[in-house]
Amino acid sequence: MDKESKFYLRLKLLSSSLGKSINQIAKELGYSRNALNNYKCRGEPSAVRLLELENYFEVSPEFLIGKNLDKDVKSIKEIFELSLDWILLLKGIEL
């Protein structure tokens, strides 16, 4: 029996956290019936599909493909604001 890919394991985790099956997710995204199940033992999705799933689940693409354990997606604005806060804190400047 083949080992399930990291991507598929993450997909199962996220689907179950929403109380949905992988086939339900595929249908909602307009994919063919087994489009997402096809990743069970083989690789990772295309960049386009990865971005669609990232948006659907609101997680980072790195999380989906198993390169990162952090599910949170931070916008460029959030990253900038956090960085600015740290810089000001380190320089002892209060807002």
Protein backbone atom coordinates (compact mmCIF):
# COMPACT_ATOMS: atom_id res chain seq x y z
CA MET A 1 0.00 0.00 0.00
CA ASP A 2 1.33 3.43 -0.96
CA LYS A 3 2.00 6.11 1.61
CA GLU A 4 -0.30 9.17 1.49
CA SER A 5 1.39 12.39 0.36
CA LYS A 6 1.90 15.25 2.82
CA PHE A 7 -0.38 17.40 0.69
CA TYR A 8 -3.17 14.82 0.85
CA LEU A 9 -2.78 14.40 4.61
CA ARG A 10 -3.09 18.18 5.08
CA LEU A 11 -6.07 18.25 2.73
CA LYS A 12 -7.80 15.54 4.79
CA LEU A 13 -7.05 17.41 8.03
CA LEU A 14 -8.44 20.70 6.73
CA SER A 15 -11.49 19.07 5.14
CA SER A 16 -12.39 17.22 8.32
CA SER A 17 -11.91 20.39 10.38
CA LEU A 18 -14.72 21.90 8.27
CA GLY A 19 -16.83 18.75 8.60
CA LYS A 20 -16.62 18.10 4.86
CA SER A 21 -15.32 15.33 2.67
CA ILE A 22 -12.59 15.88 0.12
CA ASN A 23 -15.15 15.22 -2.62
CA GLN A 24 -17.41 17.96 -1.19
CA ILE A 25 -14.51 20.41 -1.28
CA ALA A 26 -13.73 19.43 -4.89
CA LYS A 27 -17.37 19.95 -5.89
CA GLU A 28 -17.52 23.38 -4.21
CA LEU A 29 -14.39 24.44 -6.08
CA GLY A 30 -15.73 23.15 -9.40
CA TYR A 31 -13.22 20.31 -9.72
CA SER A 32 -14.01 16.88 -11.11
CA ARG A 33 -15.26 14.29 -8.60
CA ASN A 34 -11.92 12.67 -7.76
CA ALA A 35 -9.63 15.59 -8.61
CA LEU A 36 -8.37 15.97 -5.04
CA ASN A 37 -8.36 12.25 -4.23
CA ASN A 38 -5.90 11.80 -7.10
CA TYR A 39 -3.25 13.44 -4.90
CA LYS A 40 -3.50 10.67 -2.33
CA CYS A 41 -0.28 8.98 -3.40
CA ARG A 42 1.11 11.24 -6.06
CA GLY A 43 2.77 14.57 -5.52
CA GLU A 44 1.52 18.07 -5.21
CA PRO A 45 -1.02 20.19 -7.09
CA SER A 46 -0.28 22.79 -9.73
CA ALA A 47 0.44 26.33 -8.56
CA VAL A 48 -3.03 27.46 -9.63
CA ARG A 49 -4.79 24.70 -7.72
CA LEU A 50 -2.55 25.29 -4.69
CA LEU A 51 -3.56 28.96 -4.63
CA GLU A 52 -7.24 28.08 -4.99
CA LEU A 53 -6.99 25.70 -2.03
CA GLU A 54 -4.97 28.21 -0.02
CA ASN A 55 -7.76 30.75 -0.46
CA TYR A 56 -10.48 28.21 0.28
CA PHE A 57 -8.94 26.96 3.53
CA GLU A 58 -7.28 30.28 4.45
CA VAL A 59 -3.92 28.65 5.08
CA SER A 60 -0.47 29.19 3.62
CA PRO A 61 0.57 27.20 0.55
CA GLU A 62 3.61 26.09 2.52
CA PHE A 63 1.31 24.48 5.08
CA LEU A 64 -0.66 22.68 2.37
CA ILE A 65 2.42 21.07 0.86
CA GLY A 66 3.92 20.18 4.23
CA LYS A 67 6.80 22.68 4.26
CA ASN A 68 5.49 24.61 7.26
CA LEU A 69 3.57 23.66 10.40
CA ASP A 70 1.99 27.10 10.77
CA LYS A 71 -1.47 27.27 9.15
CA ASP A 72 -1.81 31.03 9.58
CA VAL A 73 -1.61 33.26 6.55
CA LYS A 74 -0.27 36.71 7.17
CA SER A 75 -0.81 39.48 4.68
CA ILE A 76 2.05 41.72 3.60
CA LYS A 77 0.40 44.51 5.61
CA GLU A 78 0.31 42.38 8.78
CA ILE A 79 3.95 41.40 8.36
CA PHE A 80 4.95 45.03 7.81
CA GLU A 81 2.99 46.22 10.87
CA LEU A 82 4.49 43.50 13.07
CA SER A 83 7.99 44.34 11.82
CA LEU A 84 7.45 48.06 12.41
CA ASP A 85 6.16 47.39 15.93
CA TRP A 86 9.29 45.33 16.72
CA ILE A 87 11.61 47.99 15.32
CA LEU A 88 9.91 50.72 17.34
CA LEU A 89 9.95 48.55 20.45
CA LEU A 90 13.65 47.81 20.05
CA LYS A 91 14.42 51.52 19.61
CA GLY A 92 12.31 52.37 22.68
CA ILE A 93 9.79 54.44 20.71
CA GLU A 94 6.19 54.32 21.87
CA LEU A 95 3.25 54.88 19.55
